[in-house]
Amino acid sequence: MSTNNMWPSMLKFVSNVTKAVIIIVTAGFPSMVAAQTVGVSASVYEFVEAYQRTINTHDPAALAAFFTEDADFVMFNLPAVKGRQAIENWWRDFWQSKFNKQEPERRGTFILNSVRLITADVAVANIETVTGGRNTQGQELIVRKARGTWVLIRQNGKWFISAMRGMPTERDRIIRASDKDQLEANKALVRRMDEEVWNKGNLEIMYELYSPTFVWHFLPSGSETIGLDSLREHVRNHREAFPDWTEEIKHIVAEGDLVTIHFVSRGTNEGSFLGNPPTGKTIQIDEMSIFRIVDGKIAEQWLIPDLLSLNQQLGFIPQSN
């Protein structure tokens, strides 16, 4: 066979679960070097197992050590993070704000689906992630699944993550034909919340509709209610003061991850309210709220009620001219 019919100088790889063959052509002549992916896969598998053990300890510094100094890190639709130190800071903030407060028992399982050997010291791994556990109330957490692509680099015989990209799958995946579909879904979530929680007093459904780390901003006073349990207690107390409380949404607008509503609230004061004895009076006030939706749940709310009219109708302050 003439050299004209031989393969051109190039690097090709073929990989499967049992072997990878790297074909290297030097000076116009092919030279085949077979590399067993059994060995490569085993070392990557051990690396992923070590990563899993570390991430479940919630130690940001130990986890960041798995990344190269200049690693790229992108999770879901969040802003990209660049560099080992920035990755460590990201994980620390994430665990302090979410896991350690609301989901300290959430644990992840990392499944190595495939490894593609690019060179002897560069590999691409496809990873499936499954997390679950219990929240601080001892309730089973929603099982979340994600898939990731890791670019691995071997330095001094040790693998490091050079780039990581994670995307949700199954129930966490945002599947939409257009942005309009997602906006409608967000509005439907707020309508359902208003009907079930405030109109019916269904407190158990709140775990389905709200994020565990929900924050409620009461704008007239500047106060905040943090956590779903605190919100549940507020709703319970309010409906004890106004057992027939209802809210009627008059206008609803959605843009991006925000939903804004104008609604009219009505109720009869039959229980203690703001430290005052029941008045027996029926009130009607206008209110406005802005909600932020994250992963199909209400994560944040800003509320503006007409407190002046409320206090005047209850007789707490004089009616104005």
C-alpha atoms as a PDB file:
ATOM      1  CA  MET A   1       0.000   0.000   0.000  1.00  0.00           C
ATOM      2  CA  SER A   2       1.447   3.412  -0.955  1.00  0.00           C
ATOM      3  CA  THR A   3       1.801   6.220   1.530  1.00  0.00           C
ATOM      4  CA  ASN A   4      -0.633   8.260  -0.615  1.00  0.00           C
ATOM      5  CA  ASN A   5      -3.384   5.916   0.472  1.00  0.00           C
ATOM      6  CA  MET A   6      -2.467   6.108   4.118  1.00  0.00           C
ATOM      7  CA  TRP A   7      -4.330   8.216   6.635  1.00  0.00           C
ATOM      8  CA  PRO A   8      -3.290  11.879   6.850  1.00  0.00           C
ATOM      9  CA  SER A   9      -1.532  13.201   9.910  1.00  0.00           C
ATOM     10  CA  MET A  10      -4.210  13.582  12.548  1.00  0.00           C
ATOM     11  CA  LEU A  11      -5.345  12.494  15.996  1.00  0.00           C
ATOM     12  CA  LYS A  12      -8.488  10.384  16.187  1.00  0.00           C
ATOM     13  CA  PHE A  13     -10.095   8.607  19.058  1.00  0.00           C
ATOM     14  CA  VAL A  14     -12.618   5.825  19.348  1.00  0.00           C
ATOM     15  CA  SER A  15     -14.065   5.104  22.760  1.00  0.00           C
ATOM     16  CA  ASN A  16     -16.513   2.654  24.307  1.00  0.00           C
ATOM     17  CA  VAL A  17     -16.983   1.059  27.691  1.00  0.00           C
ATOM     18  CA  THR A  18     -14.102  -1.335  27.243  1.00  0.00           C
ATOM     19  CA  LYS A  19     -11.347   0.368  25.254  1.00  0.00           C
ATOM     20  CA  ALA A  20     -10.117   3.467  23.470  1.00  0.00           C
ATOM     21  CA  VAL A  21      -7.712   3.458  20.566  1.00  0.00           C
ATOM     22  CA  ILE A  22      -5.648   6.543  19.889  1.00  0.00           C
ATOM     23  CA  ILE A  23      -4.274   6.675  16.359  1.00  0.00           C
ATOM     24  CA  ILE A  24      -1.244   8.865  16.033  1.00  0.00           C
ATOM     25  CA  VAL A  25       0.340   9.486  12.652  1.00  0.00           C
ATOM     26  CA  THR A  26       3.904  10.730  12.562  1.00  0.00           C
ATOM     27  CA  ALA A  27       5.831  11.674   9.379  1.00  0.00           C
ATOM     28  CA  GLY A  28       3.036  10.301   7.201  1.00  0.00           C
ATOM     29  CA  PHE A  29       3.056   6.788   8.679  1.00  0.00           C
ATOM     30  CA  PRO A  30       0.361   5.542  11.062  1.00  0.00           C
ATOM     31  CA  SER A  31       1.280   4.313  14.491  1.00  0.00           C
ATOM     32  CA  MET A  32      -1.431   2.813  16.672  1.00  0.00           C
ATOM     33  CA  VAL A  33      -1.256   3.161  20.426  1.00  0.00           C
ATOM     34  CA  ALA A  34      -4.037   1.285  22.218  1.00  0.00           C
ATOM     35  CA  ALA A  35      -5.176   2.710  25.536  1.00  0.00           C
ATOM     36  CA  GLN A  36      -7.465   0.725  27.768  1.00  0.00           C
ATOM     37  CA  THR A  37     -10.354   2.860  28.939  1.00  0.00           C
ATOM     38  CA  VAL A  38     -10.913   0.287  31.617  1.00  0.00           C
ATOM     39  CA  GLY A  39      -7.961   1.856  33.378  1.00  0.00           C
ATOM     40  CA  VAL A  40      -8.950   5.398  32.469  1.00  0.00           C
ATOM     41  CA  SER A  41     -12.583   4.841  33.431  1.00  0.00           C
ATOM     42  CA  ALA A  42     -11.509   3.282  36.720  1.00  0.00           C
ATOM     43  CA  SER A  43      -9.402   6.292  37.671  1.00  0.00           C
ATOM     44  CA  VAL A  44     -12.157   8.718  36.637  1.00  0.00           C
ATOM     45  CA  TYR A  45     -14.715   6.595  38.507  1.00  0.00           C
ATOM     46  CA  GLU A  46     -12.605   6.824  41.655  1.00  0.00           C
ATOM     47  CA  PHE A  47     -12.319  10.577  41.128  1.00  0.00           C
ATOM     48  CA  VAL A  48     -16.116  10.961  40.836  1.00  0.00           C
ATOM     49  CA  GLU A  49     -16.632   8.816  43.940  1.00  0.00           C
ATOM     50  CA  ALA A  50     -14.211  11.002  45.875  1.00  0.00           C
ATOM     51  CA  TYR A  51     -16.046  14.107  44.625  1.00  0.00           C
ATOM     52  CA  GLN A  52     -19.342  12.625  45.808  1.00  0.00           C
ATOM     53  CA  ARG A  53     -17.995  11.881  49.276  1.00  0.00           C
ATOM     54  CA  THR A  54     -16.624  15.404  49.544  1.00  0.00           C
ATOM     55  CA  ILE A  55     -19.699  17.266  48.302  1.00  0.00           C
ATOM     56  CA  ASN A  56     -21.810  15.440  50.878  1.00  0.00           C
ATOM     57  CA  THR A  57     -19.617  16.805  53.675  1.00  0.00           C
ATOM     58  CA  HIS A  58     -20.566  20.363  52.641  1.00  0.00           C
ATOM     59  CA  ASP A  59     -16.926  21.458  52.885  1.00  0.00           C
ATOM     60  CA  PRO A  60     -16.429  24.171  50.224  1.00  0.00           C
ATOM     61  CA  ALA A  61     -12.632  24.278  50.492  1.00  0.00           C
ATOM     62  CA  ALA A  62     -12.287  20.513  50.138  1.00  0.00           C
ATOM     63  CA  LEU A  63     -14.650  20.490  47.172  1.00  0.00           C
ATOM     64  CA  ALA A  64     -12.864  23.365  45.418  1.00  0.00           C
ATOM     65  CA  ALA A  65      -9.638  21.341  45.587  1.00  0.00           C
ATOM     66  CA  PHE A  66     -11.085  19.072  42.882  1.00  0.00           C
ATOM     67  CA  PHE A  67     -10.920  21.965  40.386  1.00  0.00           C
ATOM     68  CA  THR A  68      -7.987  23.478  38.518  1.00  0.00           C
ATOM     69  CA  GLU A  69      -6.906  26.967  39.506  1.00  0.00           C
ATOM     70  CA  ASP A  70      -8.601  28.472  36.426  1.00  0.00           C
ATOM     71  CA  ALA A  71     -11.608  26.130  36.228  1.00  0.00           C
ATOM     72  CA  ASP A  72     -14.936  27.187  34.715  1.00  0.00           C
ATOM     73  CA  PHE A  73     -18.073  26.323  36.693  1.00  0.00           C
ATOM     74  CA  VAL A  74     -21.657  26.821  35.460  1.00  0.00           C
ATOM     75  CA  MET A  75     -24.669  25.382  37.283  1.00  0.00           C
ATOM     76  CA  PHE A  76     -28.064  25.442  35.591  1.00  0.00           C
ATOM     77  CA  ASN A  77     -28.996  28.996  34.561  1.00  0.00           C
ATOM     78  CA  LEU A  78     -26.822  30.679  37.201  1.00  0.00           C
ATOM     79  CA  PRO A  79     -23.957  33.038  36.364  1.00  0.00           C
ATOM     80  CA  ALA A  80     -20.666  31.357  35.463  1.00  0.00           C
ATOM     81  CA  VAL A  81     -17.941  31.128  38.110  1.00  0.00           C
ATOM     82  CA  LYS A  82     -14.265  31.315  37.171  1.00  0.00           C
ATOM     83  CA  GLY A  83     -11.363  30.010  39.250  1.00  0.00           C
ATOM     84  CA  ARG A  84     -10.903  27.661  42.203  1.00  0.00           C
ATOM     85  CA  GLN A  85     -11.286  30.362  44.866  1.00  0.00           C
ATOM     86  CA  ALA A  86     -14.460  31.719  43.285  1.00  0.00           C
ATOM     87  CA  ILE A  87     -15.880  28.183  43.125  1.00  0.00           C
ATOM     88  CA  GLU A  88     -15.099  27.695  46.819  1.00  0.00           C
ATOM     89  CA  ASN A  89     -16.883  30.974  47.635  1.00  0.00           C
ATOM     90  CA  TRP A  90     -19.889  29.965  45.507  1.00  0.00           C
ATOM     91  CA  TRP A  91     -20.314  26.661  47.302  1.00  0.00           C
ATOM     92  CA  ARG A  92     -19.878  28.296  50.713  1.00  0.00           C
ATOM     93  CA  ASP A  93     -22.598  30.865  49.971  1.00  0.00           C
ATOM     94  CA  PHE A  94     -24.880  28.190  48.515  1.00  0.00           C
ATOM     95  CA  TRP A  95     -24.591  25.851  51.488  1.00  0.00           C
ATOM     96  CA  GLN A  96     -24.959  28.621  54.049  1.00  0.00           C
ATOM     97  CA  SER A  97     -28.065  30.042  52.381  1.00  0.00           C
ATOM     98  CA  LYS A  98     -29.744  26.782  51.381  1.00  0.00           C
ATOM     99  CA  PHE A  99     -28.412  23.434  52.541  1.00  0.00           C
ATOM    100  CA  ASN A 100     -27.243  24.276  56.038  1.00  0.00           C
ATOM    101  CA  LYS A 101     -30.412  26.215  56.865  1.00  0.00           C
ATOM    102  CA  GLN A 102     -33.146  24.308  55.080  1.00  0.00           C
ATOM    103  CA  GLU A 103     -31.780  21.057  53.679  1.00  0.00           C
ATOM    104  CA  PRO A 104     -28.826  19.943  55.817  1.00  0.00           C
ATOM    105  CA  GLU A 105     -29.597  16.287  55.129  1.00  0.00           C
ATOM    106  CA  ARG A 106     -29.752  16.540  51.336  1.00  0.00           C
ATOM    107  CA  ARG A 107     -27.205  14.174  49.811  1.00  0.00           C
ATOM    108  CA  GLY A 108     -26.105  13.585  46.246  1.00  0.00           C
ATOM    109  CA  THR A 109     -25.227  10.505  44.236  1.00  0.00           C
ATOM    110  CA  PHE A 110     -23.001  10.943  41.188  1.00  0.00           C
ATOM    111  CA  ILE A 111     -23.224   8.364  38.411  1.00  0.00           C
ATOM    112  CA  LEU A 112     -20.506   8.195  35.759  1.00  0.00           C
ATOM    113  CA  ASN A 113     -22.394   7.432  32.560  1.00  0.00           C
ATOM    114  CA  SER A 114     -19.489   7.638  30.109  1.00  0.00           C
ATOM    115  CA  VAL A 115     -15.913   8.780  29.654  1.00  0.00           C
ATOM    116  CA  ARG A 116     -14.395   9.978  26.398  1.00  0.00           C
ATOM    117  CA  LEU A 117     -10.620  10.074  26.248  1.00  0.00           C
ATOM    118  CA  ILE A 118      -9.360  13.058  24.235  1.00  0.00           C
ATOM    119  CA  THR A 119      -5.677  12.591  25.015  1.00  0.00           C
ATOM    120  CA  ALA A 120      -3.883  10.571  27.634  1.00  0.00           C
ATOM    121  CA  ASP A 121      -4.427  13.379  30.152  1.00  0.00           C
ATOM    122  CA  VAL A 122      -7.677  14.980  28.949  1.00  0.00           C
ATOM    123  CA  ALA A 123     -11.102  13.356  29.259  1.00  0.00           C
ATOM    124  CA  VAL A 124     -14.765  14.330  28.983  1.00  0.00           C
ATOM    125  CA  ALA A 125     -17.113  12.690  31.489  1.00  0.00           C
ATOM    126  CA  ASN A 126     -20.896  12.607  31.395  1.00  0.00           C
ATOM    127  CA  ILE A 127     -22.289  12.596  34.929  1.00  0.00           C
ATOM    128  CA  GLU A 128     -25.803  12.006  36.244  1.00  0.00           C
ATOM    129  CA  THR A 129     -26.661  13.494  39.634  1.00  0.00           C
ATOM    130  CA  VAL A 130     -29.482  12.469  41.958  1.00  0.00           C
ATOM    131  CA  THR A 131     -30.089  14.314  45.242  1.00  0.00           C
ATOM    132  CA  GLY A 132     -32.590  13.723  48.021  1.00  0.00           C
ATOM    133  CA  GLY A 133     -32.947  13.566  51.782  1.00  0.00           C
ATOM    134  CA  ARG A 134     -34.943  15.450  54.400  1.00  0.00           C
ATOM    135  CA  ASN A 135     -35.419  19.101  55.316  1.00  0.00           C
ATOM    136  CA  THR A 136     -35.128  20.641  58.782  1.00  0.00           C
ATOM    137  CA  GLN A 137     -38.730  19.590  59.508  1.00  0.00           C
ATOM    138  CA  GLY A 138     -37.865  15.944  58.788  1.00  0.00           C
ATOM    139  CA  GLN A 139     -39.906  15.862  55.586  1.00  0.00           C
ATOM    140  CA  GLU A 140     -38.755  14.036  52.492  1.00  0.00           C
ATOM    141  CA  LEU A 141     -37.210  16.425  49.975  1.00  0.00           C
ATOM    142  CA  ILE A 142     -38.131  16.368  46.321  1.00  0.00           C
ATOM    143  CA  VAL A 143     -35.699  14.130  44.483  1.00  0.00           C
ATOM    144  CA  ARG A 144     -33.800  16.229  41.972  1.00  0.00           C
ATOM    145  CA  LYS A 145     -31.935  14.918  38.989  1.00  0.00           C
ATOM    146  CA  ALA A 146     -29.369  16.668  36.843  1.00  0.00           C
ATOM    147  CA  ARG A 147     -26.795  15.813  34.237  1.00  0.00           C
ATOM    148  CA  GLY A 148     -23.387  17.335  33.834  1.00  0.00           C
ATOM    149  CA  THR A 149     -20.451  17.455  31.473  1.00  0.00           C
ATOM    150  CA  TRP A 150     -17.032  17.563  33.103  1.00  0.00           C
ATOM    151  CA  VAL A 151     -13.797  18.309  31.294  1.00  0.00           C
ATOM    152  CA  LEU A 152     -11.045  16.572  33.247  1.00  0.00           C
ATOM    153  CA  ILE A 153      -7.309  17.251  33.097  1.00  0.00           C
ATOM    154  CA  ARG A 154      -4.708  14.958  34.622  1.00  0.00           C
ATOM    155  CA  GLN A 155      -1.814  16.770  36.270  1.00  0.00           C
ATOM    156  CA  ASN A 156       1.018  14.831  37.914  1.00  0.00           C
ATOM    157  CA  GLY A 157      -1.085  11.688  37.740  1.00  0.00           C
ATOM    158  CA  LYS A 158      -4.132  13.253  39.408  1.00  0.00           C
ATOM    159  CA  TRP A 159      -7.419  14.274  37.782  1.00  0.00           C
ATOM    160  CA  PHE A 160      -8.834  17.788  38.167  1.00  0.00           C
ATOM    161  CA  ILE A 161     -12.010  19.405  36.821  1.00  0.00           C
ATOM    162  CA  SER A 162     -11.144  22.077  34.271  1.00  0.00           C
ATOM    163  CA  ALA A 163     -14.738  22.868  33.315  1.00  0.00           C
ATOM    164  CA  MET A 164     -18.117  21.773  34.671  1.00  0.00           C
ATOM    165  CA  ARG A 165     -21.549  22.407  33.237  1.00  0.00           C
ATOM    166  CA  GLY A 166     -24.733  21.174  34.969  1.00  0.00           C
ATOM    167  CA  MET A 167     -28.278  21.071  33.642  1.00  0.00           C
ATOM    168  CA  PRO A 168     -31.518  19.844  35.277  1.00  0.00           C
ATOM    169  CA  THR A 169     -33.408  16.836  33.961  1.00  0.00           C
ATOM    170  CA  GLU A 170     -36.881  15.344  34.395  1.00  0.00           C
ATOM    171  CA  ARG A 171     -39.031  17.372  36.822  1.00  0.00           C
ATOM    172  CA  ASP A 172     -36.355  20.061  37.214  1.00  0.00           C
ATOM    173  CA  ARG A 173     -36.020  20.660  33.489  1.00  0.00           C
ATOM    174  CA  ILE A 174     -37.719  23.799  32.194  1.00  0.00           C
ATOM    175  CA  ILE A 175     -39.441  22.657  29.031  1.00  0.00           C
ATOM    176  CA  ARG A 176     -41.223  25.411  27.174  1.00  0.00           C
ATOM    177  CA  ALA A 177     -42.154  26.201  23.602  1.00  0.00           C
ATOM    178  CA  SER A 178     -41.632  29.897  24.238  1.00  0.00           C
ATOM    179  CA  ASP A 179     -41.049  32.395  27.022  1.00  0.00           C
ATOM    180  CA  LYS A 180     -44.771  33.036  26.991  1.00  0.00           C
ATOM    181  CA  ASP A 181     -45.464  29.480  28.136  1.00  0.00           C
ATOM    182  CA  GLN A 182     -43.217  29.924  31.161  1.00  0.00           C
ATOM    183  CA  LEU A 183     -44.784  33.284  32.027  1.00  0.00           C
ATOM    184  CA  GLU A 184     -48.227  31.691  31.953  1.00  0.00           C
ATOM    185  CA  ALA A 185     -46.983  28.884  34.191  1.00  0.00           C
ATOM    186  CA  ASN A 186     -45.625  31.449  36.664  1.00  0.00           C
ATOM    187  CA  LYS A 187     -48.940  33.307  36.712  1.00  0.00           C
ATOM    188  CA  ALA A 188     -50.816  30.042  37.233  1.00  0.00           C
ATOM    189  CA  LEU A 189     -48.561  29.264  40.205  1.00  0.00           C
ATOM    190  CA  VAL A 190     -49.375  32.609  41.851  1.00  0.00           C
ATOM    191  CA  ARG A 191     -53.113  32.198  41.188  1.00  0.00           C
ATOM    192  CA  ARG A 192     -53.032  28.723  42.716  1.00  0.00           C
ATOM    193  CA  MET A 193     -51.124  29.970  45.740  1.00  0.00           C
ATOM    194  CA  ASP A 194     -53.608  32.796  46.315  1.00  0.00           C
ATOM    195  CA  GLU A 195     -56.608  30.490  46.040  1.00  0.00           C
ATOM    196  CA  GLU A 196     -55.272  27.580  48.108  1.00  0.00           C
ATOM    197  CA  VAL A 197     -53.297  29.388  50.800  1.00  0.00           C
ATOM    198  CA  TRP A 198     -55.075  32.693  51.404  1.00  0.00           C
ATOM    199  CA  ASN A 199     -58.635  31.902  50.314  1.00  0.00           C
ATOM    200  CA  LYS A 200     -58.845  28.309  51.602  1.00  0.00           C
ATOM    201  CA  GLY A 201     -56.212  28.338  54.344  1.00  0.00           C
ATOM    202  CA  ASN A 202     -54.528  25.228  52.957  1.00  0.00           C
ATOM    203  CA  LEU A 203     -51.192  25.410  54.788  1.00  0.00           C
ATOM    204  CA  GLU A 204     -49.900  21.966  53.832  1.00  0.00           C
ATOM    205  CA  ILE A 205     -49.768  22.818  50.139  1.00  0.00           C
ATOM    206  CA  MET A 206     -47.331  25.612  50.874  1.00  0.00           C
ATOM    207  CA  TYR A 207     -44.425  23.137  50.791  1.00  0.00           C
ATOM    208  CA  GLU A 208     -45.360  22.404  47.194  1.00  0.00           C
ATOM    209  CA  LEU A 209     -45.798  26.021  46.107  1.00  0.00           C
ATOM    210  CA  TYR A 210     -43.040  27.859  48.011  1.00  0.00           C
ATOM    211  CA  SER A 211     -39.282  27.469  48.134  1.00  0.00           C
ATOM    212  CA  PRO A 212     -37.978  26.298  51.559  1.00  0.00           C
ATOM    213  CA  THR A 213     -35.818  29.433  51.628  1.00  0.00           C
ATOM    214  CA  PHE A 214     -38.727  31.775  50.888  1.00  0.00           C
ATOM    215  CA  VAL A 215     -38.293  35.435  51.918  1.00  0.00           C
ATOM    216  CA  TRP A 216     -41.283  37.745  52.419  1.00  0.00           C
ATOM    217  CA  HIS A 217     -40.674  41.514  52.361  1.00  0.00           C
ATOM    218  CA  PHE A 218     -43.349  43.614  54.086  1.00  0.00           C
ATOM    219  CA  LEU A 219     -42.578  46.948  52.463  1.00  0.00           C
ATOM    220  CA  PRO A 220     -44.557  49.355  54.711  1.00  0.00           C
ATOM    221  CA  SER A 221     -42.405  48.471  57.743  1.00  0.00           C
ATOM    222  CA  GLY A 222     -39.340  47.120  55.970  1.00  0.00           C
ATOM    223  CA  SER A 223     -39.587  43.874  57.934  1.00  0.00           C
ATOM    224  CA  GLU A 224     -38.812  40.443  56.477  1.00  0.00           C
ATOM    225  CA  THR A 225     -40.201  36.983  57.126  1.00  0.00           C
ATOM    226  CA  ILE A 226     -37.584  34.359  56.323  1.00  0.00           C
ATOM    227  CA  GLY A 227     -38.369  30.696  55.901  1.00  0.00           C
ATOM    228  CA  LEU A 228     -41.501  28.801  55.026  1.00  0.00           C
ATOM    229  CA  ASP A 229     -42.396  27.937  58.615  1.00  0.00           C
ATOM    230  CA  SER A 230     -42.482  31.623  59.557  1.00  0.00           C
ATOM    231  CA  LEU A 231     -44.766  32.361  56.631  1.00  0.00           C
ATOM    232  CA  ARG A 232     -47.076  29.484  57.589  1.00  0.00           C
ATOM    233  CA  GLU A 233     -47.353  30.896  61.103  1.00  0.00           C
ATOM    234  CA  HIS A 234     -48.184  34.348  59.713  1.00  0.00           C
ATOM    235  CA  VAL A 235     -50.913  32.964  57.441  1.00  0.00           C
ATOM    236  CA  ARG A 236     -52.368  30.936  60.318  1.00  0.00           C
ATOM    237  CA  ASN A 237     -52.494  33.969  62.634  1.00  0.00           C
ATOM    238  CA  HIS A 238     -53.999  36.189  59.948  1.00  0.00           C
ATOM    239  CA  ARG A 239     -56.767  33.739  59.135  1.00  0.00           C
ATOM    240  CA  GLU A 240     -57.553  33.364  62.849  1.00  0.00           C
ATOM    241  CA  ALA A 241     -58.049  37.129  62.943  1.00  0.00           C
ATOM    242  CA  PHE A 242     -60.083  37.054  59.688  1.00  0.00           C
ATOM    243  CA  PRO A 243     -61.573  33.534  59.299  1.00  0.00           C
ATOM    244  CA  ASP A 244     -63.471  34.467  56.116  1.00  0.00           C
ATOM    245  CA  TRP A 245     -60.450  36.173  54.485  1.00  0.00           C
ATOM    246  CA  THR A 246     -60.501  36.159  50.675  1.00  0.00           C
ATOM    247  CA  GLU A 247     -58.363  37.739  47.985  1.00  0.00           C
ATOM    248  CA  GLU A 248     -59.566  38.547  44.488  1.00  0.00           C
ATOM    249  CA  ILE A 249     -56.880  39.115  41.866  1.00  0.00           C
ATOM    250  CA  LYS A 250     -57.827  42.060  39.644  1.00  0.00           C
ATOM    251  CA  HIS A 251     -54.665  42.336  37.533  1.00  0.00           C
ATOM    252  CA  ILE A 252     -51.712  40.028  37.010  1.00  0.00           C
ATOM    253  CA  VAL A 253     -48.570  40.697  34.957  1.00  0.00           C
ATOM    254  CA  ALA A 254     -45.501  38.470  34.445  1.00  0.00           C
ATOM    255  CA  GLU A 255     -42.061  39.260  33.084  1.00  0.00           C
ATOM    256  CA  GLY A 256     -38.897  37.195  33.394  1.00  0.00           C
ATOM    257  CA  ASP A 257     -39.009  35.425  36.764  1.00  0.00           C
ATOM    258  CA  LEU A 258     -41.350  38.022  38.325  1.00  0.00           C
ATOM    259  CA  VAL A 259     -45.147  38.061  38.703  1.00  0.00           C
ATOM    260  CA  THR A 260     -47.001  41.185  39.886  1.00  0.00           C
ATOM    261  CA  ILE A 261     -50.613  41.182  41.075  1.00  0.00           C
ATOM    262  CA  HIS A 262     -53.112  43.822  42.170  1.00  0.00           C
ATOM    263  CA  PHE A 263     -55.748  42.211  44.389  1.00  0.00           C
ATOM    264  CA  VAL A 264     -58.644  43.168  46.641  1.00  0.00           C
ATOM    265  CA  SER A 265     -58.747  41.570  50.086  1.00  0.00           C
ATOM    266  CA  ARG A 266     -61.884  41.177  52.216  1.00  0.00           C
ATOM    267  CA  GLY A 267     -62.515  39.760  55.667  1.00  0.00           C
ATOM    268  CA  THR A 268     -64.338  40.097  58.988  1.00  0.00           C
ATOM    269  CA  ASN A 269     -62.207  40.758  62.065  1.00  0.00           C
ATOM    270  CA  GLU A 270     -63.293  38.031  64.487  1.00  0.00           C
ATOM    271  CA  GLY A 271     -59.980  37.417  66.260  1.00  0.00           C
ATOM    272  CA  SER A 272     -57.145  39.373  67.847  1.00  0.00           C
ATOM    273  CA  PHE A 273     -55.287  41.463  65.267  1.00  0.00           C
ATOM    274  CA  LEU A 274     -52.130  43.517  65.813  1.00  0.00           C
ATOM    275  CA  GLY A 275     -52.614  43.210  69.555  1.00  0.00           C
ATOM    276  CA  ASN A 276     -56.169  44.584  69.390  1.00  0.00           C
ATOM    277  CA  PRO A 277     -59.327  42.685  70.408  1.00  0.00           C
ATOM    278  CA  PRO A 278     -61.761  41.611  67.674  1.00  0.00           C
ATOM    279  CA  THR A 279     -63.825  44.458  66.234  1.00  0.00           C
ATOM    280  CA  GLY A 280     -66.372  42.386  64.319  1.00  0.00           C
ATOM    281  CA  LYS A 281     -65.974  44.788  61.426  1.00  0.00           C
ATOM    282  CA  THR A 282     -65.679  43.725  57.779  1.00  0.00           C
ATOM    283  CA  ILE A 283     -62.938  45.380  55.768  1.00  0.00           C
ATOM    284  CA  GLN A 284     -61.987  45.636  52.098  1.00  0.00           C
ATOM    285  CA  ILE A 285     -58.563  46.890  50.972  1.00  0.00           C
ATOM    286  CA  ASP A 286     -56.415  47.020  47.862  1.00  0.00           C
ATOM    287  CA  GLU A 287     -53.013  45.309  47.894  1.00  0.00           C
ATOM    288  CA  MET A 288     -50.144  44.708  45.483  1.00  0.00           C
ATOM    289  CA  SER A 289     -47.473  42.002  45.495  1.00  0.00           C
ATOM    290  CA  ILE A 290     -44.435  41.093  43.422  1.00  0.00           C
ATOM    291  CA  PHE A 291     -43.342  37.444  43.412  1.00  0.00           C
ATOM    292  CA  ARG A 292     -40.050  35.958  42.232  1.00  0.00           C
ATOM    293  CA  ILE A 293     -40.290  32.426  40.836  1.00  0.00           C
ATOM    294  CA  VAL A 294     -37.336  30.035  40.969  1.00  0.00           C
ATOM    295  CA  ASP A 295     -37.495  26.441  39.690  1.00  0.00           C
ATOM    296  CA  GLY A 296     -41.283  26.488  39.634  1.00  0.00           C
ATOM    297  CA  LYS A 297     -41.685  27.713  43.214  1.00  0.00           C
ATOM    298  CA  ILE A 298     -42.258  31.080  44.887  1.00  0.00           C
ATOM    299  CA  ALA A 299     -38.904  32.155  46.297  1.00  0.00           C
ATOM    300  CA  GLU A 300     -39.567  35.770  47.267  1.00  0.00           C
ATOM    301  CA  GLN A 301     -42.437  38.238  47.727  1.00  0.00           C
ATOM    302  CA  TRP A 302     -42.711  42.014  48.151  1.00  0.00           C
ATOM    303  CA  LEU A 303     -46.086  43.099  49.623  1.00  0.00           C
ATOM    304  CA  ILE A 304     -47.671  46.572  49.649  1.00  0.00           C
ATOM    305  CA  PRO A 305     -51.103  46.654  51.415  1.00  0.00           C
ATOM    306  CA  ASP A 306     -53.285  49.718  51.978  1.00  0.00           C
ATOM    307  CA  LEU A 307     -52.654  49.824  55.713  1.00  0.00           C
ATOM    308  CA  LEU A 308     -54.172  53.268  56.160  1.00  0.00           C
ATOM    309  CA  SER A 309     -57.549  52.132  54.881  1.00  0.00           C
ATOM    310  CA  LEU A 310     -57.306  48.877  56.867  1.00  0.00           C
ATOM    311  CA  ASN A 311     -56.716  50.676  60.173  1.00  0.00           C
ATOM    312  CA  GLN A 312     -59.404  53.257  59.425  1.00  0.00           C
ATOM    313  CA  GLN A 313     -62.025  50.586  58.636  1.00  0.00           C
ATOM    314  CA  LEU A 314     -61.173  48.699  61.827  1.00  0.00           C
ATOM    315  CA  GLY A 315     -61.468  51.917  63.811  1.00  0.00           C
ATOM    316  CA  PHE A 316     -57.848  51.927  64.982  1.00  0.00           C
ATOM    317  CA  ILE A 317     -57.301  55.413  63.566  1.00  0.00           C
ATOM    318  CA  PRO A 318     -59.869  58.115  62.639  1.00  0.00           C
ATOM    319  CA  GLN A 319     -61.307  58.297  59.152  1.00  0.00           C
ATOM    320  CA  SER A 320     -59.811  61.162  57.135  1.00  0.00           C
ATOM    321  CA  ASN A 321     -61.838  63.717  55.250  1.00  0.00           C
END
